[in-house]
Structure formats: structure tokens, C-alpha cells
N, C-alpha and C. Protein backbone atom coordinates (compact mmCIF):
# COMPACT_ATOMS: atom_id res chain seq x y z
N MET A 1 4.92 -11.02 21.50
CA MET A 1 4.10 -12.15 21.47
C MET A 1 4.04 -13.09 22.70
N LYS A 2 5.21 -13.19 23.11
CA LYS A 2 5.26 -14.33 24.23
C LYS A 2 4.56 -13.89 25.32
N GLU A 3 4.32 -12.57 25.56
CA GLU A 3 3.55 -12.03 26.82
C GLU A 3 2.14 -12.12 26.53
N SER A 4 1.82 -12.23 25.39
CA SER A 4 0.17 -12.32 25.05
C SER A 4 -0.27 -13.64 25.02
N HIS A 5 0.50 -14.80 25.24
CA HIS A 5 0.09 -16.11 25.04
C HIS A 5 -0.63 -16.44 23.94
N VAL A 6 -0.18 -15.94 22.90
CA VAL A 6 -0.66 -16.34 21.50
C VAL A 6 -0.22 -17.67 21.06
N LEU A 7 -0.80 -18.14 20.01
CA LEU A 7 -0.30 -19.52 19.61
C LEU A 7 0.28 -19.57 18.26
N ASP A 8 1.25 -20.61 17.99
CA ASP A 8 1.79 -20.71 16.74
C ASP A 8 2.60 -19.48 16.25
N VAL A 9 3.44 -19.00 17.22
CA VAL A 9 4.26 -17.79 16.74
C VAL A 9 5.33 -18.27 15.63
N ARG A 10 5.39 -17.40 14.60
CA ARG A 10 6.37 -17.62 13.75
C ARG A 10 7.12 -16.56 13.36
N ILE A 11 8.42 -16.58 13.44
CA ILE A 11 9.41 -15.33 13.18
C ILE A 11 9.44 -15.34 11.82
N THR A 12 9.01 -14.27 11.04
CA THR A 12 9.24 -14.15 9.55
C THR A 12 10.36 -13.31 9.24
N ASP A 13 10.83 -12.56 10.07
CA ASP A 13 12.20 -11.53 9.90
C ASP A 13 12.96 -11.55 11.08
N SER A 14 13.91 -12.13 11.33
CA SER A 14 14.57 -12.19 12.64
C SER A 14 15.45 -11.06 12.95
N GLY A 15 15.62 -10.17 12.06
CA GLY A 15 16.24 -9.09 12.11
C GLY A 15 17.85 -9.19 12.38
N GLY A 16 18.26 -10.15 11.77
CA GLY A 16 19.81 -10.50 12.12
C GLY A 16 20.74 -9.93 11.07
N ARG A 17 20.51 -8.84 10.16
CA ARG A 17 21.31 -8.48 9.23
C ARG A 17 21.08 -6.87 9.15
N ASP A 18 22.11 -6.14 8.88
CA ASP A 18 22.18 -4.65 8.68
C ASP A 18 21.55 -4.48 7.46
N ILE A 19 20.63 -3.32 7.30
CA ILE A 19 20.22 -2.88 5.88
C ILE A 19 20.75 -1.33 5.75
N PRO A 20 21.74 -1.20 5.03
CA PRO A 20 22.38 0.06 4.74
C PRO A 20 21.35 1.29 4.65
N CYS A 21 21.86 2.27 5.01
CA CYS A 21 20.87 3.54 5.03
C CYS A 21 21.63 4.65 4.24
N GLY A 22 22.95 4.45 4.26
CA GLY A 22 24.03 5.37 3.58
C GLY A 22 24.52 6.22 4.91
N GLU A 23 25.59 6.92 4.56
CA GLU A 23 26.38 7.66 5.41
C GLU A 23 26.78 6.87 6.54
N GLY A 24 27.18 5.60 6.49
CA GLY A 24 27.75 4.79 7.66
C GLY A 24 26.58 4.32 8.53
N LYS A 25 25.24 4.22 8.17
CA LYS A 25 24.28 4.02 9.02
C LYS A 25 23.48 2.78 8.27
N ALA A 26 22.73 2.00 9.30
CA ALA A 26 21.86 0.87 8.95
C ALA A 26 20.94 0.89 9.87
N LYS A 27 19.88 -0.10 9.45
CA LYS A 27 18.69 -0.29 10.35
C LYS A 27 18.44 -1.83 10.28
N ARG A 28 17.74 -2.39 11.05
CA ARG A 28 17.41 -3.69 11.20
C ARG A 28 15.82 -3.86 11.27
N THR A 29 15.28 -4.89 10.51
CA THR A 29 13.71 -5.13 10.47
C THR A 29 13.61 -6.35 11.19
N PHE A 30 12.38 -6.45 11.52
CA PHE A 30 11.82 -7.67 12.34
C PHE A 30 10.37 -7.87 12.05
N ALA A 31 9.92 -9.10 12.09
CA ALA A 31 8.69 -9.39 11.87
C ALA A 31 8.18 -10.68 12.51
N ALA A 32 6.90 -10.97 13.10
CA ALA A 32 6.32 -12.31 13.32
C ALA A 32 4.85 -12.37 13.03
N THR A 33 4.47 -13.44 12.97
CA THR A 33 3.05 -13.80 12.79
C THR A 33 2.65 -14.64 13.97
N ALA A 34 1.30 -14.74 14.37
CA ALA A 34 0.90 -15.79 15.38
C ALA A 34 -0.60 -15.96 15.28
N ARG A 35 -1.14 -16.82 15.97
CA ARG A 35 -2.66 -17.10 15.87
C ARG A 35 -3.33 -16.92 17.26
N ASP A 36 -4.36 -16.08 17.25
CA ASP A 36 -5.23 -16.17 18.48
C ASP A 36 -6.05 -17.32 18.73
N ALA A 37 -6.31 -17.58 19.91
CA ALA A 37 -7.30 -18.64 20.39
C ALA A 37 -8.60 -18.37 19.82
N ALA A 38 -9.10 -17.33 19.76
CA ALA A 38 -10.45 -17.00 19.22
C ALA A 38 -10.18 -16.48 17.67
N SER A 39 -10.58 -17.45 16.82
CA SER A 39 -10.32 -17.11 15.35
C SER A 39 -11.17 -16.22 14.88
N GLN A 40 -12.29 -15.63 15.44
CA GLN A 40 -13.13 -14.79 15.02
C GLN A 40 -12.99 -13.20 15.22
N ARG A 41 -11.74 -12.96 15.95
CA ARG A 41 -11.39 -11.58 16.29
C ARG A 41 -10.95 -10.84 14.94
N ASP A 42 -11.70 -9.70 14.77
CA ASP A 42 -11.36 -8.72 13.69
C ASP A 42 -9.93 -8.14 13.85
N PRO A 43 -9.45 -7.49 12.74
CA PRO A 43 -8.12 -6.87 12.72
C PRO A 43 -8.05 -5.77 13.81
N GLY A 44 -8.98 -5.07 13.99
CA GLY A 44 -8.99 -3.78 15.02
C GLY A 44 -8.87 -4.37 16.24
N GLY A 45 -9.48 -5.53 16.72
CA GLY A 45 -9.57 -6.12 18.17
C GLY A 45 -8.19 -6.76 18.26
N LEU A 46 -7.57 -7.50 17.44
CA LEU A 46 -6.27 -8.19 17.40
C LEU A 46 -5.23 -7.09 17.68
N ASN A 47 -5.26 -5.98 16.92
CA ASN A 47 -4.25 -4.90 16.96
C ASN A 47 -4.17 -4.16 18.34
N THR A 48 -5.51 -3.95 18.85
CA THR A 48 -5.81 -3.30 20.18
C THR A 48 -5.26 -4.20 21.23
N TYR A 49 -5.44 -5.48 21.17
CA TYR A 49 -5.08 -6.43 22.14
C TYR A 49 -3.50 -6.40 22.17
N MET A 50 -2.90 -6.56 20.89
CA MET A 50 -1.39 -6.58 21.04
C MET A 50 -0.88 -5.18 21.46
N LEU A 51 -1.37 -4.24 21.29
CA LEU A 51 -0.99 -2.72 21.89
C LEU A 51 -1.13 -2.74 23.39
N GLY A 52 -2.11 -3.31 23.81
CA GLY A 52 -2.12 -3.50 25.30
C GLY A 52 -1.02 -4.29 25.88
N VAL A 53 -0.89 -5.41 25.33
CA VAL A 53 0.14 -6.34 25.85
C VAL A 53 1.51 -5.66 25.78
N LEU A 54 1.89 -4.87 24.57
CA LEU A 54 3.05 -4.29 24.38
C LEU A 54 3.36 -3.29 25.20
N SER A 55 2.26 -2.66 25.75
CA SER A 55 2.49 -1.48 26.65
C SER A 55 3.01 -1.89 28.05
N SER A 56 2.78 -3.19 28.23
CA SER A 56 3.40 -3.82 29.54
C SER A 56 4.79 -4.19 29.50
N VAL A 57 5.39 -4.28 28.15
CA VAL A 57 6.79 -4.63 27.85
C VAL A 57 7.56 -3.36 27.61
N ALA A 58 7.34 -2.46 26.96
CA ALA A 58 8.05 -1.16 26.67
C ALA A 58 7.15 0.06 26.38
N PRO A 59 7.43 1.16 26.80
CA PRO A 59 6.71 2.37 26.33
C PRO A 59 6.62 2.93 25.03
N TYR A 60 5.76 2.33 24.18
CA TYR A 60 5.63 2.73 22.90
C TYR A 60 4.56 3.73 22.85
N ARG A 61 4.47 4.74 22.03
CA ARG A 61 3.53 5.68 21.74
C ARG A 61 2.86 5.44 20.53
N ILE A 62 1.55 5.73 20.34
CA ILE A 62 0.83 5.74 18.99
C ILE A 62 1.28 6.65 18.05
N ALA A 63 1.86 6.48 17.00
CA ALA A 63 2.43 7.39 16.05
C ALA A 63 1.42 7.58 14.87
N GLU A 64 0.70 6.60 14.65
CA GLU A 64 -0.38 6.66 13.71
C GLU A 64 -1.44 5.47 13.82
N ASP A 65 -2.75 6.00 13.80
CA ASP A 65 -3.82 4.98 13.94
C ASP A 65 -4.94 5.49 13.25
N GLN A 66 -5.40 4.95 12.16
CA GLN A 66 -6.42 5.42 11.26
C GLN A 66 -7.69 4.54 11.39
N GLY A 67 -7.82 3.85 12.59
CA GLY A 67 -8.99 2.98 12.86
C GLY A 67 -8.57 1.53 12.54
N ASN A 68 -9.28 1.11 11.45
CA ASN A 68 -9.00 -0.39 11.26
C ASN A 68 -7.82 -0.72 10.47
N ALA A 69 -6.93 0.33 10.16
CA ALA A 69 -5.76 0.15 9.44
C ALA A 69 -4.71 -0.33 10.32
N PRO A 70 -3.47 -0.67 9.99
CA PRO A 70 -2.43 -0.95 10.82
C PRO A 70 -2.11 0.22 11.77
N ILE A 71 -1.72 -0.08 12.95
CA ILE A 71 -1.28 0.85 14.00
C ILE A 71 0.15 0.97 14.13
N ARG A 72 0.63 2.33 13.86
CA ARG A 72 2.12 2.38 13.97
C ARG A 72 2.56 2.91 15.42
N LEU A 73 3.49 2.35 15.99
CA LEU A 73 3.94 2.63 17.15
C LEU A 73 5.48 3.11 17.09
N ALA A 74 5.91 4.00 18.03
CA ALA A 74 7.24 4.36 18.07
C ALA A 74 7.83 4.34 19.53
N ASN A 75 8.91 4.15 19.69
CA ASN A 75 9.71 4.22 20.87
C ASN A 75 11.07 4.99 20.58
N ASP A 76 11.09 6.27 21.18
CA ASP A 76 12.14 6.96 21.03
C ASP A 76 13.34 6.72 21.75
N THR A 77 13.28 6.06 22.86
CA THR A 77 14.36 5.66 23.41
C THR A 77 15.06 4.45 22.91
N TYR A 78 14.28 3.52 22.35
CA TYR A 78 14.76 2.47 21.70
C TYR A 78 15.08 2.66 20.19
N LYS A 79 14.58 3.71 19.66
CA LYS A 79 14.76 4.08 18.34
C LYS A 79 14.20 2.96 17.37
N THR A 80 12.94 2.56 17.89
CA THR A 80 12.26 1.59 16.86
C THR A 80 10.88 1.87 16.60
N VAL A 81 10.24 1.48 15.50
CA VAL A 81 8.90 1.53 15.17
C VAL A 81 8.31 0.13 15.12
N ILE A 82 7.22 0.03 15.56
CA ILE A 82 6.46 -1.29 15.34
C ILE A 82 5.10 -1.11 14.70
N ILE A 83 4.71 -1.78 13.86
CA ILE A 83 3.40 -1.83 13.01
C ILE A 83 2.68 -3.06 13.42
N LEU A 84 1.57 -2.87 14.11
CA LEU A 84 0.47 -4.05 14.24
C LEU A 84 -0.40 -4.11 13.20
N GLU A 85 -0.17 -5.08 12.32
CA GLU A 85 -0.98 -5.21 10.99
C GLU A 85 -1.53 -6.51 11.00
N SER A 86 -2.32 -6.85 11.94
CA SER A 86 -3.15 -8.22 11.88
C SER A 86 -4.28 -8.06 10.93
N PRO A 87 -4.19 -9.10 10.09
CA PRO A 87 -5.27 -9.02 9.07
C PRO A 87 -6.74 -9.47 9.36
N GLY A 88 -6.69 -10.13 10.46
CA GLY A 88 -8.11 -10.79 10.84
C GLY A 88 -8.21 -12.20 11.06
N ASN A 89 -9.30 -12.71 11.24
CA ASN A 89 -9.61 -14.20 11.38
C ASN A 89 -8.62 -14.74 12.36
N GLY A 90 -8.41 -14.11 13.53
CA GLY A 90 -7.41 -14.57 14.58
C GLY A 90 -6.03 -14.60 14.18
N GLN A 91 -5.65 -13.98 13.06
CA GLN A 91 -4.10 -13.95 12.69
C GLN A 91 -3.64 -12.63 13.20
N TYR A 92 -2.45 -12.73 13.96
CA TYR A 92 -1.62 -11.58 14.24
C TYR A 92 -0.63 -11.25 13.35
N GLY A 93 -0.12 -9.96 13.08
CA GLY A 93 0.94 -9.62 12.28
C GLY A 93 1.59 -8.50 12.98
N VAL A 94 2.83 -8.60 13.13
CA VAL A 94 3.76 -7.54 13.87
C VAL A 94 4.99 -7.45 12.96
N ARG A 95 5.34 -6.20 12.70
CA ARG A 95 6.70 -6.02 11.89
C ARG A 95 7.23 -4.62 12.58
N GLY A 96 8.45 -4.50 12.55
CA GLY A 96 9.10 -3.38 12.90
C GLY A 96 10.45 -3.07 12.35
N GLU A 97 11.02 -1.92 12.69
CA GLU A 97 12.33 -1.68 12.20
C GLU A 97 12.95 -0.68 13.17
N THR A 98 14.45 -0.49 13.04
CA THR A 98 15.05 0.36 14.00
C THR A 98 15.17 1.69 13.21
N GLU A 99 15.64 2.74 13.68
CA GLU A 99 15.83 3.79 12.83
C GLU A 99 17.25 3.61 12.29
N CYS A 100 17.67 4.38 11.28
CA CYS A 100 18.95 4.23 10.74
C CYS A 100 20.05 4.81 11.82
N LEU A 101 20.74 3.89 12.13
CA LEU A 101 21.75 4.09 13.33
C LEU A 101 23.28 3.93 12.89
N PRO A 102 24.19 4.58 13.43
CA PRO A 102 25.60 4.45 13.05
C PRO A 102 26.03 2.87 13.23
N THR A 103 26.60 2.35 12.13
CA THR A 103 27.08 1.11 12.30
C THR A 103 28.27 0.61 13.12
N SER A 104 28.96 1.75 13.45
CA SER A 104 30.11 1.51 14.49
C SER A 104 30.17 2.33 15.67
């Protein structure tokens, strides 16, 4: 979000804890919200904008995109999934998680 120059970024899940997955593995989640300077942008436009910005930061591929629904992105190298789920009215929503990885 820093790269996109959005406003009022708020970290809603800092990802600072392991979530057990079993078999000595755990994942981490993370999430943030922000506000766009243009409050009239719809969810699809906000998600598409964030997708473009994210592509300049890391090579994510679109894993699932059903139109105006959230866009699910994946990065096999970093073993993360990011979901762009902006609700509209200029409000961005991004959340993600790592794959279940060995804890040691």
C-alpha cells in the first residue's frame, strides 16, 4: 500500500504470530485497509489498481478472479497468497497468508 500512495493505511493484522497447521507447521496471516483519494472508485477498480501496484513490488500471479469479487493472488517463491477485497467507496482491503511452513 505504501507504493500506491493511498491514504490512512491501517494494519488490521500485523502477522506477528504463528497459526498452527499441524505436523510441526504454521502459517502467518496479515491484513490492511486504506482509503483512496477518489472515494467514488468501485471495488473492481480499486482491486485492479492494487494489482497493478503489487506487480511492481513482487511477481504475483492471479490465482482466481471472478470479476467484481475479490482477486486471489499467489506467489510460489514467497509461498504467500494475497486477496484484494476492496469493498468500494474508495476503501481498499488487502489480506493474505503464508502457506503452512515448517516452524523450525
